[in-house]
C-alpha atoms as a PDB file:
ATOM      1  CA  UNK A   1     -41.449 -23.205  -4.973  1.00  0.00           C
ATOM      2  CA  UNK A   2     -43.625 -20.511  -5.968  1.00  0.00           C
ATOM      3  CA  UNK A   3     -42.114 -16.963  -7.191  1.00  0.00           C
ATOM      4  CA  UNK A   4     -44.362 -13.707  -6.494  1.00  0.00           C
ATOM      5  CA  UNK A   5     -43.393 -10.470  -8.198  1.00  0.00           C
ATOM      6  CA  UNK A   6     -44.509  -7.353  -6.137  1.00  0.00           C
ATOM      7  CA  UNK A   7     -43.881  -4.287  -8.417  1.00  0.00           C
ATOM      8  CA  UNK A   8     -43.774  -0.573  -7.521  1.00  0.00           C
ATOM      9  CA  UNK A   9     -46.260   1.376  -9.768  1.00  0.00           C
ATOM     10  CA  UNK A  10     -43.743   2.970 -12.156  1.00  0.00           C
ATOM     11  CA  UNK A  11     -42.292  -0.349 -12.717  1.00  0.00           C
ATOM     12  CA  UNK A  12     -45.439  -2.553 -13.382  1.00  0.00           C
ATOM     13  CA  UNK A  13     -44.952  -2.992 -17.288  1.00  0.00           C
ATOM     14  CA  UNK A  14     -41.314  -4.185 -16.772  1.00  0.00           C
ATOM     15  CA  UNK A  15     -42.432  -6.211 -13.897  1.00  0.00           C
ATOM     16  CA  UNK A  16     -45.149  -7.794 -15.749  1.00  0.00           C
ATOM     17  CA  UNK A  17     -43.015  -9.047 -18.648  1.00  0.00           C
ATOM     18  CA  UNK A  18     -40.246 -10.314 -16.409  1.00  0.00           C
ATOM     19  CA  UNK A  19     -43.048 -12.259 -14.329  1.00  0.00           C
ATOM     20  CA  UNK A  20     -44.299 -13.868 -17.649  1.00  0.00           C
ATOM     21  CA  UNK A  21     -40.961 -15.052 -18.665  1.00  0.00           C
ATOM     22  CA  UNK A  22     -40.324 -16.567 -14.886  1.00  0.00           C
ATOM     23  CA  UNK A  23     -43.712 -17.945 -14.916  1.00  0.00           C
ATOM     24  CA  UNK A  24     -44.219 -16.048 -11.719  1.00  0.00           C
ATOM     25  CA  UNK A  25     -47.414 -14.549 -10.061  1.00  0.00           C
ATOM     26  CA  UNK A  26     -47.794 -10.833  -9.955  1.00  0.00           C
ATOM     27  CA  UNK A  27     -48.804 -10.080  -6.571  1.00  0.00           C
ATOM     28  CA  UNK A  28     -50.537  -6.775  -5.027  1.00  0.00           C
ATOM     29  CA  UNK A  29     -48.383  -3.937  -3.878  1.00  0.00           C
ATOM     30  CA  UNK A  30     -50.225  -0.667  -2.833  1.00  0.00           C
ATOM     31  CA  UNK A  31     -48.447   2.380  -2.274  1.00  0.00           C
ATOM     32  CA  UNK A  32     -50.320   5.696  -0.972  1.00  0.00           C
ATOM     33  CA  UNK A  33     -49.105   8.453   1.131  1.00  0.00           C
ATOM     34  CA  UNK A  34     -50.692  10.179   3.944  1.00  0.00           C
ATOM     35  CA  UNK A  35     -51.640  14.206   3.998  1.00  0.00           C
ATOM     36  CA  UNK A  36     -48.436  14.530   6.441  1.00  0.00           C
ATOM     37  CA  UNK A  37     -46.171  12.920   3.821  1.00  0.00           C
ATOM     38  CA  UNK A  38     -45.801   9.336   5.347  1.00  0.00           C
ATOM     39  CA  UNK A  39     -46.281   6.326   3.166  1.00  0.00           C
ATOM     40  CA  UNK A  40     -48.459   3.143   3.678  1.00  0.00           C
ATOM     41  CA  UNK A  41     -47.519   0.177   1.961  1.00  0.00           C
ATOM     42  CA  UNK A  42     -49.837  -2.714   1.687  1.00  0.00           C
ATOM     43  CA  UNK A  43     -48.853  -6.077   0.071  1.00  0.00           C
ATOM     44  CA  UNK A  44     -50.326  -9.549  -0.930  1.00  0.00           C
ATOM     45  CA  UNK A  45     -50.798 -11.503   1.834  1.00  0.00           C
ATOM     46  CA  UNK A  46     -50.798 -14.995   0.159  1.00  0.00           C
ATOM     47  CA  UNK A  47     -47.021 -15.356   0.128  1.00  0.00           C
ATOM     48  CA  UNK A  48     -46.190 -17.409   2.710  1.00  0.00           C
ATOM     49  CA  UNK A  49     -43.414 -19.758   1.564  1.00  0.00           C
ATOM     50  CA  UNK A  50     -42.838 -18.067  -1.684  1.00  0.00           C
ATOM     51  CA  UNK A  51     -39.781 -16.299  -3.028  1.00  0.00           C
ATOM     52  CA  UNK A  52     -40.665 -12.714  -3.338  1.00  0.00           C
ATOM     53  CA  UNK A  53     -39.240 -10.457  -6.081  1.00  0.00           C
ATOM     54  CA  UNK A  54     -39.636  -6.542  -5.346  1.00  0.00           C
ATOM     55  CA  UNK A  55     -39.417  -4.660  -8.285  1.00  0.00           C
ATOM     56  CA  UNK A  56     -38.303  -0.943  -7.638  1.00  0.00           C
ATOM     57  CA  UNK A  57     -36.403   0.970 -10.085  1.00  0.00           C
ATOM     58  CA  UNK A  58     -34.549   3.535  -7.768  1.00  0.00           C
ATOM     59  CA  UNK A  59     -34.711   6.876  -9.778  1.00  0.00           C
ATOM     60  CA  UNK A  60     -35.694   9.404  -7.300  1.00  0.00           C
ATOM     61  CA  UNK A  61     -34.354   7.156  -4.360  1.00  0.00           C
ATOM     62  CA  UNK A  62     -35.155   9.302  -1.490  1.00  0.00           C
ATOM     63  CA  UNK A  63     -38.882   9.040  -1.914  1.00  0.00           C
ATOM     64  CA  UNK A  64     -38.875   5.229  -2.832  1.00  0.00           C
ATOM     65  CA  UNK A  65     -36.008   3.544  -0.374  1.00  0.00           C
ATOM     66  CA  UNK A  66     -38.303   3.945   2.717  1.00  0.00           C
ATOM     67  CA  UNK A  67     -41.455   2.569   1.214  1.00  0.00           C
ATOM     68  CA  UNK A  68     -39.077  -0.427  -0.492  1.00  0.00           C
ATOM     69  CA  UNK A  69     -37.845  -1.411   3.108  1.00  0.00           C
ATOM     70  CA  UNK A  70     -41.300  -1.371   4.472  1.00  0.00           C
ATOM     71  CA  UNK A  71     -42.574  -3.807   1.610  1.00  0.00           C
ATOM     72  CA  UNK A  72     -39.707  -6.204   2.207  1.00  0.00           C
ATOM     73  CA  UNK A  73     -40.039  -6.176   6.104  1.00  0.00           C
ATOM     74  CA  UNK A  74     -43.736  -7.100   5.456  1.00  0.00           C
ATOM     75  CA  UNK A  75     -43.185  -9.432   3.296  1.00  0.00           C
ATOM     76  CA  UNK A  76     -40.847 -11.513   5.907  1.00  0.00           C
ATOM     77  CA  UNK A  77     -43.482 -10.784   8.307  1.00  0.00           C
ATOM     78  CA  UNK A  78     -45.935 -12.793   5.992  1.00  0.00           C
ATOM     79  CA  UNK A  79     -43.647 -15.514   5.398  1.00  0.00           C
ATOM     80  CA  UNK A  80     -41.974 -15.097   2.503  1.00  0.00           C
ATOM     81  CA  UNK A  81     -39.266 -17.764   1.664  1.00  0.00           C
ATOM     82  CA  UNK A  82     -36.751 -15.236   0.586  1.00  0.00           C
ATOM     83  CA  UNK A  83     -36.978 -11.530  -0.589  1.00  0.00           C
ATOM     84  CA  UNK A  84     -34.998 -10.311  -3.439  1.00  0.00           C
ATOM     85  CA  UNK A  85     -35.085  -6.701  -5.084  1.00  0.00           C
ATOM     86  CA  UNK A  86     -34.676  -6.004  -9.084  1.00  0.00           C
ATOM     87  CA  UNK A  87     -33.940  -2.462  -8.963  1.00  0.00           C
ATOM     88  CA  UNK A  88     -33.138  -1.798 -12.733  1.00  0.00           C
ATOM     89  CA  UNK A  89     -31.731   1.521 -11.792  1.00  0.00           C
ATOM     90  CA  UNK A  90     -29.560   1.543  -8.854  1.00  0.00           C
ATOM     91  CA  UNK A  91     -29.003   4.741  -6.795  1.00  0.00           C
ATOM     92  CA  UNK A  92     -26.049   6.175  -4.985  1.00  0.00           C
ATOM     93  CA  UNK A  93     -23.328   4.215  -6.229  1.00  0.00           C
ATOM     94  CA  UNK A  94     -21.414   7.095  -7.490  1.00  0.00           C
ATOM     95  CA  UNK A  95     -20.210   8.292  -4.396  1.00  0.00           C
ATOM     96  CA  UNK A  96     -17.885   5.706  -3.362  1.00  0.00           C
ATOM     97  CA  UNK A  97     -15.011   7.748  -1.692  1.00  0.00           C
ATOM     98  CA  UNK A  98     -14.949  10.593   0.771  1.00  0.00           C
ATOM     99  CA  UNK A  99     -13.671  13.532  -1.239  1.00  0.00           C
ATOM    100  CA  UNK A 100     -14.192  16.336   1.554  1.00  0.00           C
ATOM    101  CA  UNK A 101     -14.253  15.833   5.146  1.00  0.00           C
ATOM    102  CA  UNK A 102     -17.278  14.488   6.754  1.00  0.00           C
ATOM    103  CA  UNK A 103     -18.991  13.141   3.465  1.00  0.00           C
ATOM    104  CA  UNK A 104     -21.105  10.091   3.519  1.00  0.00           C
ATOM    105  CA  UNK A 105     -19.805   7.207   1.413  1.00  0.00           C
ATOM    106  CA  UNK A 106     -23.229   6.772   0.161  1.00  0.00           C
ATOM    107  CA  UNK A 107     -22.563   3.397  -1.930  1.00  0.00           C
ATOM    108  CA  UNK A 108     -21.393   1.330   1.269  1.00  0.00           C
ATOM    109  CA  UNK A 109     -24.256   3.139   3.232  1.00  0.00           C
ATOM    110  CA  UNK A 110     -26.913   2.307   0.638  1.00  0.00           C
ATOM    111  CA  UNK A 111     -25.776  -0.907   0.551  1.00  0.00           C
ATOM    112  CA  UNK A 112     -25.843  -1.919   4.117  1.00  0.00           C
ATOM    113  CA  UNK A 113     -29.483  -0.248   4.422  1.00  0.00           C
ATOM    114  CA  UNK A 114     -30.751  -2.783   1.544  1.00  0.00           C
ATOM    115  CA  UNK A 115     -28.952  -5.801   3.125  1.00  0.00           C
ATOM    116  CA  UNK A 116     -31.181  -5.197   6.054  1.00  0.00           C
ATOM    117  CA  UNK A 117     -34.388  -5.943   4.000  1.00  0.00           C
ATOM    118  CA  UNK A 118     -33.367  -8.166   0.951  1.00  0.00           C
ATOM    119  CA  UNK A 119     -31.454 -11.359   0.470  1.00  0.00           C
ATOM    120  CA  UNK A 120     -30.479 -10.865  -3.196  1.00  0.00           C
ATOM    121  CA  UNK A 121     -29.977  -8.005  -5.778  1.00  0.00           C
ATOM    122  CA  UNK A 122     -30.315  -7.600  -9.433  1.00  0.00           C
ATOM    123  CA  UNK A 123     -29.540  -4.623 -11.289  1.00  0.00           C
ATOM    124  CA  UNK A 124     -28.622  -3.212 -14.942  1.00  0.00           C
ATOM    125  CA  UNK A 125     -25.250  -1.499 -15.384  1.00  0.00           C
ATOM    126  CA  UNK A 126     -24.643   0.287 -12.248  1.00  0.00           C
ATOM    127  CA  UNK A 127     -22.749   3.688 -12.367  1.00  0.00           C
ATOM    128  CA  UNK A 128     -19.423   2.557 -10.859  1.00  0.00           C
ATOM    129  CA  UNK A 129     -16.366   4.546 -10.894  1.00  0.00           C
ATOM    130  CA  UNK A 130     -13.871   3.221  -8.484  1.00  0.00           C
ATOM    131  CA  UNK A 131     -15.652   0.228  -7.599  1.00  0.00           C
ATOM    132  CA  UNK A 132     -14.718  -2.662 -10.001  1.00  0.00           C
ATOM    133  CA  UNK A 133     -17.354  -5.019  -8.885  1.00  0.00           C
ATOM    134  CA  UNK A 134     -20.867  -4.712  -7.253  1.00  0.00           C
ATOM    135  CA  UNK A 135     -19.885  -7.628  -5.274  1.00  0.00           C
ATOM    136  CA  UNK A 136     -17.011  -5.377  -3.606  1.00  0.00           C
ATOM    137  CA  UNK A 137     -19.825  -3.352  -1.995  1.00  0.00           C
ATOM    138  CA  UNK A 138     -22.935  -5.744  -1.392  1.00  0.00           C
ATOM    139  CA  UNK A 139     -22.463  -8.887   0.865  1.00  0.00           C
ATOM    140  CA  UNK A 140     -25.606 -10.442  -0.601  1.00  0.00           C
ATOM    141  CA  UNK A 141     -25.585 -12.012  -4.249  1.00  0.00           C
ATOM    142  CA  UNK A 142     -25.814  -8.994  -6.223  1.00  0.00           C
ATOM    143  CA  UNK A 143     -26.002  -9.555 -10.167  1.00  0.00           C
ATOM    144  CA  UNK A 144     -25.246  -6.829 -12.795  1.00  0.00           C
ATOM    145  CA  UNK A 145     -27.234  -7.314 -15.647  1.00  0.00           C
ATOM    146  CA  UNK A 146     -25.543  -6.058 -18.945  1.00  0.00           C
ATOM    147  CA  UNK A 147     -27.653  -3.887 -21.319  1.00  0.00           C
ATOM    148  CA  UNK A 148     -25.186  -4.325 -24.219  1.00  0.00           C
ATOM    149  CA  UNK A 149     -26.583  -6.870 -26.161  1.00  0.00           C
ATOM    150  CA  UNK A 150     -30.007  -5.333 -26.320  1.00  0.00           C
ATOM    151  CA  UNK A 151     -28.756  -1.933 -27.267  1.00  0.00           C
ATOM    152  CA  UNK A 152     -26.999  -3.650 -30.049  1.00  0.00           C
ATOM    153  CA  UNK A 153     -29.512  -5.251 -31.194  1.00  0.00           C
ATOM    154  CA  UNK A 154     -31.976  -2.252 -31.450  1.00  0.00           C
ATOM    155  CA  UNK A 155     -29.011  -0.308 -33.186  1.00  0.00           C
ATOM    156  CA  UNK A 156     -28.585  -3.054 -35.631  1.00  0.00           C
ATOM    157  CA  UNK A 157     -32.073  -3.191 -36.757  1.00  0.00           C
ATOM    158  CA  UNK A 158     -32.984   0.692 -36.390  1.00  0.00           C
ATOM    159  CA  UNK A 159     -29.910   2.886 -37.366  1.00  0.00           C
ATOM    160  CA  UNK A 160     -28.530   2.787 -41.077  1.00  0.00           C
ATOM    161  CA  UNK A 161     -24.726   3.055 -41.082  1.00  0.00           C
ATOM    162  CA  UNK A 162     -24.130   3.560 -37.243  1.00  0.00           C
ATOM    163  CA  UNK A 163     -21.156   5.108 -35.689  1.00  0.00           C
ATOM    164  CA  UNK A 164     -21.138   4.735 -32.017  1.00  0.00           C
ATOM    165  CA  UNK A 165     -20.123   7.477 -29.738  1.00  0.00           C
ATOM    166  CA  UNK A 166     -19.228   7.246 -26.139  1.00  0.00           C
ATOM    167  CA  UNK A 167     -19.549  10.123 -23.760  1.00  0.00           C
ATOM    168  CA  UNK A 168     -16.010   9.880 -22.005  1.00  0.00           C
ATOM    169  CA  UNK A 169     -13.256   7.832 -21.458  1.00  0.00           C
ATOM    170  CA  UNK A 170     -14.765   5.678 -18.624  1.00  0.00           C
ATOM    171  CA  UNK A 171     -17.386   4.571 -21.115  1.00  0.00           C
ATOM    172  CA  UNK A 172     -14.572   3.145 -23.576  1.00  0.00           C
ATOM    173  CA  UNK A 173     -15.122  -0.483 -22.652  1.00  0.00           C
ATOM    174  CA  UNK A 174     -18.825  -0.939 -22.459  1.00  0.00           C
ATOM    175  CA  UNK A 175     -19.267   1.409 -25.649  1.00  0.00           C
ATOM    176  CA  UNK A 176     -16.708  -0.946 -27.598  1.00  0.00           C
ATOM    177  CA  UNK A 177     -18.678  -3.936 -26.361  1.00  0.00           C
ATOM    178  CA  UNK A 178     -22.015  -2.435 -27.951  1.00  0.00           C
ATOM    179  CA  UNK A 179     -20.224  -1.464 -30.955  1.00  0.00           C
ATOM    180  CA  UNK A 180     -18.671  -4.980 -31.532  1.00  0.00           C
ATOM    181  CA  UNK A 181     -22.052  -6.638 -30.875  1.00  0.00           C
ATOM    182  CA  UNK A 182     -23.632  -4.018 -33.375  1.00  0.00           C
ATOM    183  CA  UNK A 183     -21.074  -4.693 -35.906  1.00  0.00           C
ATOM    184  CA  UNK A 184     -20.127  -0.747 -36.078  1.00  0.00           C
ATOM    185  CA  UNK A 185     -17.575   1.477 -35.591  1.00  0.00           C
ATOM    186  CA  UNK A 186     -16.869   3.417 -32.590  1.00  0.00           C
ATOM    187  CA  UNK A 187     -15.112   6.504 -30.921  1.00  0.00           C
ATOM    188  CA  UNK A 188     -15.199   7.970 -27.385  1.00  0.00           C
ATOM    189  CA  UNK A 189     -15.611  11.758 -26.672  1.00  0.00           C
ATOM    190  CA  UNK A 190     -12.467  13.467 -25.024  1.00  0.00           C
ATOM    191  CA  UNK A 191     -14.551  15.403 -22.301  1.00  0.00           C
ATOM    192  CA  UNK A 192     -13.569  18.252 -19.884  1.00  0.00           C
ATOM    193  CA  UNK A 193     -15.932  19.031 -17.310  1.00  0.00           C
ATOM    194  CA  UNK A 194     -16.145  22.635 -15.625  1.00  0.00           C
ATOM    195  CA  UNK A 195     -18.511  22.256 -12.669  1.00  0.00           C
ATOM    196  CA  UNK A 196     -21.770  20.307 -12.215  1.00  0.00           C
ATOM    197  CA  UNK A 197     -23.520  21.634 -15.384  1.00  0.00           C
ATOM    198  CA  UNK A 198     -20.856  22.610 -17.911  1.00  0.00           C
ATOM    199  CA  UNK A 199     -19.214  20.194 -20.177  1.00  0.00           C
ATOM    200  CA  UNK A 200     -16.648  20.617 -23.168  1.00  0.00           C
ATOM    201  CA  UNK A 201     -16.254  17.819 -25.492  1.00  0.00           C
ATOM    202  CA  UNK A 202     -14.274  16.789 -28.602  1.00  0.00           C
ATOM    203  CA  UNK A 203     -13.854  13.962 -30.970  1.00  0.00           C
ATOM    204  CA  UNK A 204     -10.374  12.185 -31.783  1.00  0.00           C
ATOM    205  CA  UNK A 205     -11.519  11.905 -35.268  1.00  0.00           C
ATOM    206  CA  UNK A 206     -14.536  13.520 -36.675  1.00  0.00           C
ATOM    207  CA  UNK A 207     -13.690  13.313 -40.432  1.00  0.00           C
ATOM    208  CA  UNK A 208     -14.350   9.521 -40.013  1.00  0.00           C
ATOM    209  CA  UNK A 209     -17.782  10.069 -39.289  1.00  0.00           C
ATOM    210  CA  UNK A 210     -18.904  11.288 -42.843  1.00  0.00           C
ATOM    211  CA  UNK A 211     -21.277   8.752 -44.227  1.00  0.00           C
ATOM    212  CA  UNK A 212     -22.450   7.400 -40.957  1.00  0.00           C
ATOM    213  CA  UNK A 213     -25.353   8.074 -38.667  1.00  0.00           C
ATOM    214  CA  UNK A 214     -23.617   9.308 -35.218  1.00  0.00           C
ATOM    215  CA  UNK A 215     -25.249   7.108 -32.148  1.00  0.00           C
ATOM    216  CA  UNK A 216     -24.358   8.894 -28.873  1.00  0.00           C
ATOM    217  CA  UNK A 217     -24.369   6.199 -26.101  1.00  0.00           C
ATOM    218  CA  UNK A 218     -24.698   7.331 -22.282  1.00  0.00           C
ATOM    219  CA  UNK A 219     -25.329   4.920 -19.389  1.00  0.00           C
ATOM    220  CA  UNK A 220     -27.049   7.577 -17.497  1.00  0.00           C
ATOM    221  CA  UNK A 221     -28.805  10.542 -18.563  1.00  0.00           C
ATOM    222  CA  UNK A 222     -30.149  12.937 -16.019  1.00  0.00           C
ATOM    223  CA  UNK A 223     -29.204  16.625 -16.888  1.00  0.00           C
ATOM    224  CA  UNK A 224     -28.175  15.711 -20.440  1.00  0.00           C
ATOM    225  CA  UNK A 225     -25.316  18.125 -20.425  1.00  0.00           C
ATOM    226  CA  UNK A 226     -22.876  15.575 -21.859  1.00  0.00           C
ATOM    227  CA  UNK A 227     -25.014  14.403 -24.625  1.00  0.00           C
ATOM    228  CA  UNK A 228     -25.965  18.219 -25.515  1.00  0.00           C
ATOM    229  CA  UNK A 229     -22.351  19.035 -25.635  1.00  0.00           C
ATOM    230  CA  UNK A 230     -21.859  16.199 -28.025  1.00  0.00           C
ATOM    231  CA  UNK A 231     -24.792  17.241 -30.371  1.00  0.00           C
ATOM    232  CA  UNK A 232     -23.438  20.535 -30.436  1.00  0.00           C
ATOM    233  CA  UNK A 233     -20.011  19.515 -31.297  1.00  0.00           C
ATOM    234  CA  UNK A 234     -21.501  17.382 -34.074  1.00  0.00           C
ATOM    235  CA  UNK A 235     -23.652  19.977 -35.714  1.00  0.00           C
ATOM    236  CA  UNK A 236     -20.902  21.709 -38.006  1.00  0.00           C
ATOM    237  CA  UNK A 237     -19.991  18.289 -39.579  1.00  0.00           C
ATOM    238  CA  UNK A 238     -23.389  18.196 -41.310  1.00  0.00           C
ATOM    239  CA  UNK A 239     -24.073  14.469 -40.376  1.00  0.00           C
ATOM    240  CA  UNK A 240     -27.612  12.925 -40.475  1.00  0.00           C
ATOM    241  CA  UNK A 241     -29.417  13.723 -37.301  1.00  0.00           C
ATOM    242  CA  UNK A 242     -27.875  11.817 -34.000  1.00  0.00           C
ATOM    243  CA  UNK A 243     -29.544   9.363 -32.416  1.00  0.00           C
ATOM    244  CA  UNK A 244     -29.322   9.380 -28.487  1.00  0.00           C
ATOM    245  CA  UNK A 245     -29.426   5.900 -26.920  1.00  0.00           C
ATOM    246  CA  UNK A 246     -29.263   5.825 -23.168  1.00  0.00           C
ATOM    247  CA  UNK A 247     -29.469   3.075 -20.659  1.00  0.00           C
ATOM    248  CA  UNK A 248     -31.065   4.916 -17.656  1.00  0.00           C
ATOM    249  CA  UNK A 249     -33.373   7.821 -18.677  1.00  0.00           C
ATOM    250  CA  UNK A 250     -33.758  10.144 -15.418  1.00  0.00           C
ATOM    251  CA  UNK A 251     -34.132  13.237 -17.719  1.00  0.00           C
ATOM    252  CA  UNK A 252     -34.477  15.644 -14.950  1.00  0.00           C
ATOM    253  CA  UNK A 253     -35.716  19.440 -15.684  1.00  0.00           C
ATOM    254  CA  UNK A 254     -35.586  20.242 -19.286  1.00  0.00           C
ATOM    255  CA  UNK A 255     -33.250  17.418 -20.222  1.00  0.00           C
ATOM    256  CA  UNK A 256     -35.023  15.892 -22.898  1.00  0.00           C
ATOM    257  CA  UNK A 257     -36.146  19.256 -24.520  1.00  0.00           C
ATOM    258  CA  UNK A 258     -32.473  20.505 -24.133  1.00  0.00           C
ATOM    259  CA  UNK A 259     -31.400  17.291 -26.237  1.00  0.00           C
ATOM    260  CA  UNK A 260     -34.291  17.970 -29.067  1.00  0.00           C
ATOM    261  CA  UNK A 261     -33.115  21.612 -29.266  1.00  0.00           C
ATOM    262  CA  UNK A 262     -29.489  20.542 -29.475  1.00  0.00           C
ATOM    263  CA  UNK A 263     -30.443  18.516 -32.605  1.00  0.00           C
ATOM    264  CA  UNK A 264     -31.188  15.048 -31.635  1.00  0.00           C
ATOM    265  CA  UNK A 265     -33.236  13.388 -34.327  1.00  0.00           C
ATOM    266  CA  UNK A 266     -34.461  10.567 -32.179  1.00  0.00           C
ATOM    267  CA  UNK A 267     -33.802   9.640 -28.166  1.00  0.00           C
ATOM    268  CA  UNK A 268     -34.364   6.423 -26.890  1.00  0.00           C
ATOM    269  CA  UNK A 269     -33.687   4.431 -23.733  1.00  0.00           C
ATOM    270  CA  UNK A 270     -34.092   1.134 -22.239  1.00  0.00           C
ATOM    271  CA  UNK A 271     -37.162   0.342 -20.000  1.00  0.00           C
ATOM    272  CA  UNK A 272     -34.898   0.312 -16.470  1.00  0.00           C
ATOM    273  CA  UNK A 273     -36.582   3.373 -15.858  1.00  0.00           C
ATOM    274  CA  UNK A 274     -40.099   4.022 -16.873  1.00  0.00           C
ATOM    275  CA  UNK A 275     -40.121   6.991 -19.445  1.00  0.00           C
ATOM    276  CA  UNK A 276     -41.721   8.204 -22.759  1.00  0.00           C
ATOM    277  CA  UNK A 277     -38.409   7.457 -24.497  1.00  0.00           C
ATOM    278  CA  UNK A 278     -38.449   3.724 -23.862  1.00  0.00           C
ATOM    279  CA  UNK A 279     -37.999   1.632 -26.921  1.00  0.00           C
ATOM    280  CA  UNK A 280     -35.420  -1.302 -25.762  1.00  0.00           C
ATOM    281  CA  UNK A 281     -36.747  -3.742 -23.371  1.00  0.00           C
ATOM    282  CA  UNK A 282     -34.511  -5.574 -20.408  1.00  0.00           C
ATOM    283  CA  UNK A 283     -36.954  -8.299 -19.681  1.00  0.00           C
ATOM    284  CA  UNK A 284     -35.051 -11.313 -21.203  1.00  0.00           C
ATOM    285  CA  UNK A 285     -31.832 -10.508 -19.162  1.00  0.00           C
ATOM    286  CA  UNK A 286     -33.519  -9.258 -16.010  1.00  0.00           C
ATOM    287  CA  UNK A 287     -35.385 -12.800 -15.947  1.00  0.00           C
ATOM    288  CA  UNK A 288     -31.931 -14.526 -16.341  1.00  0.00           C
ATOM    289  CA  UNK A 289     -30.349 -12.552 -13.634  1.00  0.00           C
ATOM    290  CA  UNK A 290     -33.340 -13.280 -11.194  1.00  0.00           C
ATOM    291  CA  UNK A 291     -32.923 -17.101 -12.213  1.00  0.00           C
ATOM    292  CA  UNK A 292     -29.355 -16.989 -11.440  1.00  0.00           C
ATOM    293  CA  UNK A 293     -29.914 -15.426  -8.113  1.00  0.00           C
ATOM    294  CA  UNK A 294     -32.652 -17.980  -7.095  1.00  0.00           C
ATOM    295  CA  UNK A 295     -30.639 -20.705  -8.038  1.00  0.00           C
ATOM    296  CA  UNK A 296     -27.655 -19.283  -6.038  1.00  0.00           C
ATOM    297  CA  UNK A 297     -29.845 -18.595  -2.953  1.00  0.00           C
ATOM    298  CA  UNK A 298     -30.924 -22.341  -3.180  1.00  0.00           C
ATOM    299  CA  UNK A 299     -27.733 -23.770  -3.696  1.00  0.00           C
ATOM    300  CA  UNK A 300     -26.521 -21.987  -0.202  1.00  0.00           C
ATOM    301  CA  UNK A 301     -29.358 -23.579   1.722  1.00  0.00           C
ATOM    302  CA  UNK A 302     -28.936 -26.908   0.648  1.00  0.00           C
END
């Protein structure tokens, strides 16, 4: 059965690399805006009977979600056998409970929204808090691709005598996994957050960092405040310039400039979100995740 990849504009580079590994065809997906702000989506009409893979990393999700739904719905109208979504960055997973009266539980609501138009989902290290597994939210096949092996390989090749530093206790497990794969020591910051923008951090054993290059790891960098706080804490230790390694590079506002001003020697990210800092490719694990979803979907229909 033919596989056709349809990519939103920001994701064409990664989608093309994944399509090559899948042996899939890159189809046409056009998206434009009318003056009144409405979107018009047009897709490859030659997809009847094909497995369609939509590529849309969901940073800035409010502007992308509805056009994505239009694309998936249109693919079904044109006869696609199945429609799957690769969202390397998956938004709206953090709000998994109602903390104040009347709040939307966006993780559940967004999952229901996507399930209306797609048959399966592949994403990369979603930012889950109290949700243990993505399958607890989605009722369709959903595969989480781990970026850890790719991060570890880059660190092994590019950083001399690294010591990995995680942003908070929630990151301990995955930072330990990257450190193990990179054959490097690690520590986890003790973090106290004061509101949405102020973060105070400290290291449990700052002395053990001497002689190493600090590598600050974070799964998502949006404002970058946690990384800035860590860089500020490291500055008096007179270590080599720190390397910041991020999975999902959102970097809103002046976040990137703030990191550089705080003393970051190098800032790199995976290509889950298109950004100038992209240096770590995820095409291989994403292609493997897609193959697993297609195989599972085929088995279900036998």
